[in-house]
Amino acid sequence: MKRVHVAAAVIRGVDGRILIARRPQDKHQGGLWEFPGGKVEDGEAVRVALDRELEEELGIRPQAARPLIQIRHDYPDKQVLLDVWEVSTFSGEPHGAEGQPLAWVSERQLLEYAFPAANKPIVAAARLPERYLITPDGLQPSELLAGVRSALAQGVRLVQLRAPNMFDAQYRDLAVDVQGLCAGKAQLMLKGPLEWLGDFPAAGWHLTAEQLRKYAAGGRPFPDDRWLAASCHSAEELVLAAQMGVDFVTLSPVQATATHPDVQPLGWEAASELLTHFNLPAYLLGGVGPGDIERAWQIGAQGVAGIRAFWPQ
């Protein structure tokens, strides 16, 4: 069965809302909502196909677009490769040129719409930012709080509270304070025993590779409306992350780092190869910073994660 190559777009308005369209009832996965786009013809460049499809379907011309995520999905009756781009500016006024209903929705509201199964990672990618801040080790709670406050003021929207050498009680107290700082501004990801999950309902959870190996076979430990992430370092761990149903991962180390000098880095080429076979948003971590975001996009990553690179000095 030949894999159908589809170009699709996460189209953002100036207010940050995202445009979705409803599939006709007589089409494959009819009646469900989707991100606009259509089939890439043989020999056609993906960006050319995207521009053509959006003009035909919506009457708009993309002006600024970049790769967001690639997804390979097998339905019982069809195999698809979704080549998803984020369109941040366009000319024209979007309308359902083929009679299809349209809706402008917030990132959060995407969870309220029914999409085809293959679109679940696109919904996650559309809701996630390009930067993932991980807090540095060895700081006092007051220093961590000041740094998080400063990072939020600079627009950071995804924060992992990592403090591996802190006592459990101290980490839990700090987590309560950081959760308060992040409320309404950023998504907080916590680390620790899964027994703590019920105590921090607003937080997402970032699993260590060790936890991933231990719990993957049991599936997600909580519903889809709460973020779940995992640290991955190999193809095997990426498979486990997909099996568990996480929303996103970090893939590391891409390059040599001062914190783990004895760990052999993946390198950009191997990271790119690993992401080619992975269908979920992934942040590259280890020796990367803000200047690497565009390169990360080009090899299929959501963006970059970092400790020193994003920590306010």
Protein backbone atom coordinates (compact mmCIF):
# COMPACT_ATOMS: atom_id res chain seq x y z
CA MET A 1 0.00 0.00 0.00
CA LYS A 2 1.48 3.34 -1.07
CA ARG A 3 1.77 5.95 1.68
CA VAL A 4 -0.27 9.05 0.83
CA HIS A 5 1.84 12.21 1.33
CA VAL A 6 -0.23 15.08 2.73
CA ALA A 7 0.85 18.68 3.40
CA ALA A 8 -1.07 20.23 6.32
CA ALA A 9 -0.91 23.56 8.11
CA VAL A 10 -1.27 24.83 11.66
CA ILE A 11 -2.40 28.35 10.70
CA ARG A 12 -2.11 31.00 13.42
CA GLY A 13 -4.02 34.27 13.46
CA VAL A 14 -2.51 37.46 14.88
CA ASP A 15 -4.24 36.66 18.20
CA GLY A 16 -2.55 33.23 18.37
CA ARG A 17 -5.71 31.26 17.64
CA ILE A 18 -5.51 28.33 15.22
CA LEU A 19 -7.68 27.67 12.16
CA ILE A 20 -9.26 24.21 11.81
CA ALA A 21 -11.70 22.80 9.25
CA ARG A 22 -14.31 20.04 9.30
CA ARG A 23 -13.90 17.12 6.89
CA PRO A 24 -16.84 16.37 4.56
CA GLN A 25 -18.96 13.41 5.69
CA ASP A 26 -18.27 11.46 2.47
CA LYS A 27 -14.46 11.60 2.84
CA HIS A 28 -12.06 9.33 4.75
CA GLN A 29 -12.49 10.19 8.47
CA GLY A 30 -15.48 12.34 7.48
CA GLY A 31 -17.09 14.66 10.04
CA LEU A 32 -13.91 15.01 12.10
CA TRP A 33 -11.93 18.24 12.36
CA GLU A 34 -8.53 18.65 10.70
CA PHE A 35 -5.69 21.04 9.99
CA PRO A 36 -6.18 22.35 6.44
CA GLY A 37 -4.09 20.98 3.58
CA GLY A 38 -4.10 18.25 0.99
CA LYS A 39 -2.21 15.72 -1.08
CA VAL A 40 1.33 16.34 -2.33
CA GLU A 41 1.51 15.37 -6.01
CA ASP A 42 4.35 13.17 -7.30
CA GLY A 43 7.50 15.26 -7.74
CA GLU A 44 5.93 18.31 -6.07
CA ALA A 45 7.80 20.17 -3.31
CA VAL A 46 5.92 20.09 0.01
CA ARG A 47 5.90 23.88 0.38
CA VAL A 48 4.53 24.28 -3.16
CA ALA A 49 1.79 21.74 -2.39
CA LEU A 50 0.95 23.52 0.86
CA ASP A 51 0.61 26.90 -0.86
CA ARG A 52 -1.56 25.40 -3.62
CA GLU A 53 -3.85 23.52 -1.25
CA LEU A 54 -4.38 26.47 1.12
CA GLU A 55 -5.23 28.74 -1.81
CA GLU A 56 -7.73 26.19 -3.17
CA GLU A 57 -9.30 25.33 0.20
CA LEU A 58 -9.17 28.66 2.05
CA GLY A 59 -8.31 31.38 -0.45
CA ILE A 60 -5.11 32.37 1.37
CA ARG A 61 -1.41 32.51 0.43
CA PRO A 62 1.11 31.60 3.18
CA GLN A 63 3.85 34.22 3.59
CA ALA A 64 5.81 32.80 6.54
CA ALA A 65 5.83 29.03 7.12
CA ARG A 66 8.19 26.52 8.72
CA PRO A 67 8.22 22.74 9.31
CA LEU A 68 6.41 21.72 12.54
CA ILE A 69 6.17 17.91 12.64
CA GLN A 70 6.09 14.86 10.36
CA ILE A 71 3.81 11.94 11.19
CA ARG A 72 3.54 8.49 9.63
CA HIS A 73 0.25 6.82 10.51
CA ASP A 74 -1.34 3.57 9.38
CA TYR A 75 -5.15 3.38 9.30
CA PRO A 76 -6.74 -0.02 8.51
CA ASP A 77 -7.52 1.21 4.99
CA LYS A 78 -4.87 3.85 4.35
CA GLN A 79 -1.25 4.82 5.14
CA VAL A 80 -0.44 8.52 5.42
CA LEU A 81 2.60 10.75 5.83
CA LEU A 82 1.49 14.07 7.29
CA ASP A 83 3.97 16.85 6.56
CA VAL A 84 2.82 19.60 8.93
CA TRP A 85 3.95 23.22 8.70
CA GLU A 86 3.22 26.17 10.93
CA VAL A 87 1.91 29.19 8.99
CA SER A 88 2.35 32.38 10.99
CA THR A 89 1.48 35.02 8.36
CA PHE A 90 -0.62 34.86 5.20
CA SER A 91 -2.43 37.08 2.73
CA GLY A 92 -6.14 36.86 2.06
CA GLU A 93 -9.15 36.19 4.29
CA PRO A 94 -9.66 32.49 5.12
CA HIS A 95 -13.03 31.08 4.09
CA GLY A 96 -14.34 27.58 3.36
CA ALA A 97 -13.87 27.76 -0.41
CA GLU A 98 -15.14 24.16 -0.75
CA GLY A 99 -18.08 24.72 1.60
CA GLN A 100 -16.31 23.26 4.65
CA PRO A 101 -17.04 24.73 8.11
CA LEU A 102 -14.08 26.56 9.72
CA ALA A 103 -13.31 27.48 13.33
CA TRP A 104 -10.68 29.70 14.97
CA VAL A 105 -9.80 28.10 18.32
CA SER A 106 -7.31 28.67 21.13
CA GLU A 107 -4.56 26.13 21.78
CA ARG A 108 -6.46 24.88 24.82
CA GLN A 109 -9.74 24.57 22.87
CA LEU A 110 -8.12 22.16 20.40
CA LEU A 111 -8.67 19.47 23.05
CA GLU A 112 -12.45 19.93 22.73
CA TYR A 113 -12.57 18.96 19.02
CA ALA A 114 -12.56 15.45 17.54
CA PHE A 115 -9.62 14.91 15.13
CA PRO A 116 -8.49 11.81 13.20
CA ALA A 117 -6.13 9.62 15.26
CA ALA A 118 -3.11 10.67 13.21
CA ASN A 119 -3.68 14.30 14.25
CA LYS A 120 -3.14 13.81 18.00
CA PRO A 121 0.61 14.66 17.85
CA ILE A 122 -0.20 17.72 15.70
CA VAL A 123 -2.52 19.01 18.43
CA ALA A 124 0.33 18.57 20.94
CA ALA A 125 2.87 20.27 18.64
CA ALA A 126 0.49 23.18 18.04
CA ARG A 127 0.15 23.71 21.81
CA LEU A 128 3.85 23.43 22.67
CA PRO A 129 6.38 26.30 22.45
CA GLU A 130 9.78 26.11 20.74
CA ARG A 131 11.78 26.45 23.99
CA TYR A 132 11.75 24.18 27.04
CA LEU A 133 13.50 25.56 30.12
CA ILE A 134 15.00 23.09 32.60
CA THR A 135 16.06 24.55 35.94
CA PRO A 136 19.76 24.25 36.90
CA ASP A 137 20.98 22.06 39.74
CA GLY A 138 22.67 23.33 42.89
CA LEU A 139 20.67 26.53 43.45
CA GLN A 140 18.89 27.59 46.62
CA PRO A 141 15.05 27.67 46.45
CA SER A 142 15.10 31.49 46.53
CA GLU A 143 17.50 31.56 43.54
CA LEU A 144 15.33 29.07 41.62
CA LEU A 145 12.19 31.09 42.25
CA ALA A 146 13.89 34.33 41.16
CA GLY A 147 15.18 32.66 38.00
CA VAL A 148 11.80 31.16 37.08
CA ARG A 149 10.12 34.53 37.68
CA SER A 150 12.64 36.21 35.38
CA ALA A 151 12.29 33.48 32.69
CA LEU A 152 8.49 33.84 32.71
CA ALA A 153 8.88 37.61 32.25
CA GLN A 154 11.03 36.84 29.19
CA GLY A 155 8.24 34.74 27.67
CA VAL A 156 9.24 31.18 28.58
CA ARG A 157 6.07 29.01 28.41
CA LEU A 158 7.31 25.52 29.36
CA VAL A 159 9.34 24.91 32.53
CA GLN A 160 10.72 21.71 34.04
CA LEU A 161 11.50 21.94 37.75
CA ARG A 162 14.59 19.77 38.01
CA ALA A 163 16.47 19.63 41.33
CA PRO A 164 17.94 16.12 41.60
CA ASN A 165 19.93 16.78 44.76
CA MET A 166 17.11 18.34 46.76
CA PHE A 167 15.35 16.43 49.53
CA ASP A 168 11.85 15.29 48.57
CA ALA A 169 10.09 17.56 51.09
CA GLN A 170 12.07 20.60 49.95
CA TYR A 171 11.34 19.83 46.26
CA ARG A 172 7.62 19.43 46.96
CA ASP A 173 7.47 22.75 48.80
CA LEU A 174 9.33 24.44 45.96
CA ALA A 175 7.00 22.83 43.40
CA VAL A 176 3.99 24.43 45.12
CA ASP A 177 5.64 27.87 44.84
CA VAL A 178 6.75 27.41 41.21
CA GLN A 179 3.28 26.15 40.27
CA GLY A 180 1.88 29.40 41.66
CA LEU A 181 4.35 31.45 39.60
CA CYS A 182 3.55 29.53 36.39
CA ALA A 183 -0.26 29.70 36.75
CA GLY A 184 -1.71 31.32 33.62
CA LYS A 185 1.75 31.98 32.15
CA ALA A 186 3.53 28.68 31.53
CA GLN A 187 3.12 24.93 31.76
CA LEU A 188 5.06 23.45 34.67
CA MET A 189 6.54 19.95 34.34
CA LEU A 190 7.54 18.20 37.57
CA LYS A 191 9.80 15.21 38.21
CA GLY A 192 9.53 12.61 40.92
CA PRO A 193 7.64 9.51 42.05
CA LEU A 194 4.30 8.90 40.31
CA GLU A 195 2.75 8.64 43.78
CA TRP A 196 2.94 12.46 43.86
CA LEU A 197 0.74 12.92 40.79
CA GLY A 198 -2.47 13.56 42.71
CA ASP A 199 -0.87 16.31 44.80
CA PHE A 200 -0.07 18.56 41.80
CA PRO A 201 -3.09 18.34 39.45
CA ALA A 202 -2.12 21.44 37.42
CA ALA A 203 1.39 20.19 36.66
CA GLY A 204 2.56 17.91 33.88
CA TRP A 205 5.02 15.11 34.59
CA HIS A 206 8.43 14.53 33.01
CA LEU A 207 9.60 10.93 33.40
CA THR A 208 13.23 9.91 33.64
CA ALA A 209 14.45 7.25 31.20
CA GLU A 210 14.48 4.85 34.15
CA GLN A 211 10.81 5.57 34.95
CA LEU A 212 9.95 5.23 31.26
CA ARG A 213 11.46 1.74 31.14
CA LYS A 214 9.67 0.79 34.35
CA TYR A 215 6.18 2.08 33.54
CA ALA A 216 5.85 2.18 29.72
CA ALA A 217 4.06 -1.17 29.45
CA GLY A 218 1.30 0.12 31.74
CA GLY A 219 0.40 3.04 29.46
CA ARG A 220 -0.38 6.60 30.50
CA PRO A 221 -0.71 7.11 34.27
CA PHE A 222 -3.29 9.91 33.81
CA PRO A 223 -5.76 11.31 31.20
CA ASP A 224 -4.89 13.12 27.97
CA ASP A 225 -5.70 16.59 29.32
CA ARG A 226 -2.49 16.62 31.38
CA TRP A 227 0.99 16.82 29.86
CA LEU A 228 3.24 13.75 30.02
CA ALA A 229 6.86 13.82 28.80
CA ALA A 230 9.90 11.56 28.98
CA SER A 231 13.68 11.79 28.67
CA CYS A 232 14.98 9.68 25.77
CA HIS A 233 18.50 8.89 24.58
CA SER A 234 18.02 6.08 22.05
CA ALA A 235 15.69 4.55 19.47
CA GLU A 236 14.58 1.99 22.07
CA GLU A 237 13.51 4.68 24.54
CA LEU A 238 11.65 6.59 21.80
CA VAL A 239 9.68 3.40 21.05
CA LEU A 240 8.81 3.06 24.75
CA ALA A 241 7.72 6.72 24.91
CA ALA A 242 5.36 6.22 21.96
CA GLN A 243 4.09 2.99 23.50
CA MET A 244 3.32 4.77 26.77
CA GLY A 245 1.46 7.55 24.96
CA VAL A 246 3.56 10.50 26.15
CA ASP A 247 2.86 13.91 24.61
CA PHE A 248 6.48 14.87 23.95
CA VAL A 249 10.07 13.91 24.73
CA THR A 250 13.52 15.36 25.13
CA LEU A 251 16.19 13.68 23.01
CA SER A 252 19.72 14.00 24.37
CA PRO A 253 22.58 14.64 24.37
CA VAL A 254 22.84 16.11 20.88
CA GLN A 255 26.29 17.55 21.59
CA ALA A 256 28.88 17.17 24.35
CA THR A 257 27.95 18.91 27.61
CA ALA A 258 29.88 20.00 30.70
CA THR A 259 27.32 18.30 32.97
CA HIS A 260 27.76 14.85 31.34
CA PRO A 261 31.30 14.84 29.91
CA ASP A 262 31.49 11.03 29.87
CA VAL A 263 28.33 10.56 27.74
CA GLN A 264 28.83 10.03 24.00
CA PRO A 265 26.73 12.67 22.17
CA LEU A 266 24.29 11.61 19.42
CA GLY A 267 25.31 14.33 16.97
CA TRP A 268 22.90 16.17 14.67
CA GLU A 269 22.86 13.49 11.99
CA ALA A 270 21.89 10.65 14.35
CA ALA A 271 19.31 12.87 16.07
CA SER A 272 17.78 13.64 12.67
CA GLU A 273 17.66 9.93 11.79
CA LEU A 274 15.98 9.06 15.10
CA LEU A 275 13.32 11.75 14.62
CA THR A 276 12.54 10.52 11.09
CA HIS A 277 10.99 7.42 12.64
CA PHE A 278 9.33 9.16 15.60
CA ASN A 279 5.81 10.61 15.45
CA LEU A 280 5.69 12.86 18.52
CA PRO A 281 7.06 16.34 19.35
CA ALA A 282 10.68 16.16 20.52
CA TYR A 283 12.95 18.79 22.06
CA LEU A 284 16.67 18.45 21.37
CA LEU A 285 18.76 18.76 24.53
CA GLY A 286 22.46 18.86 25.35
CA GLY A 287 24.87 21.48 24.05
CA VAL A 288 22.13 23.37 22.17
CA GLY A 289 20.66 26.83 22.67
CA PRO A 290 18.35 29.45 21.17
CA GLY A 291 20.59 29.76 18.11
CA ASP A 292 19.89 26.11 17.24
CA ILE A 293 16.08 26.36 17.11
CA GLU A 294 15.84 26.75 13.31
CA ARG A 295 18.25 23.86 12.75
CA ALA A 296 16.16 21.76 15.14
CA TRP A 297 13.00 22.57 13.14
CA GLN A 298 14.68 21.51 9.91
CA ILE A 299 15.41 18.00 11.25
CA GLY A 300 11.89 17.52 12.60
CA ALA A 301 12.19 18.65 16.23
CA GLN A 302 9.70 20.81 18.13
CA GLY A 303 12.54 23.04 19.30
CA VAL A 304 15.30 22.94 21.87
CA ALA A 305 15.46 22.35 25.62
CA GLY A 306 18.19 23.74 27.78
CA ILE A 307 19.42 24.50 31.26
CA ARG A 308 22.19 27.09 31.00
CA ALA A 309 21.14 28.26 27.53
CA PHE A 310 17.76 29.51 28.75
CA TRP A 311 18.40 30.28 32.42
CA PRO A 312 18.32 34.04 33.06
CA GLN A 313 21.75 35.31 34.05
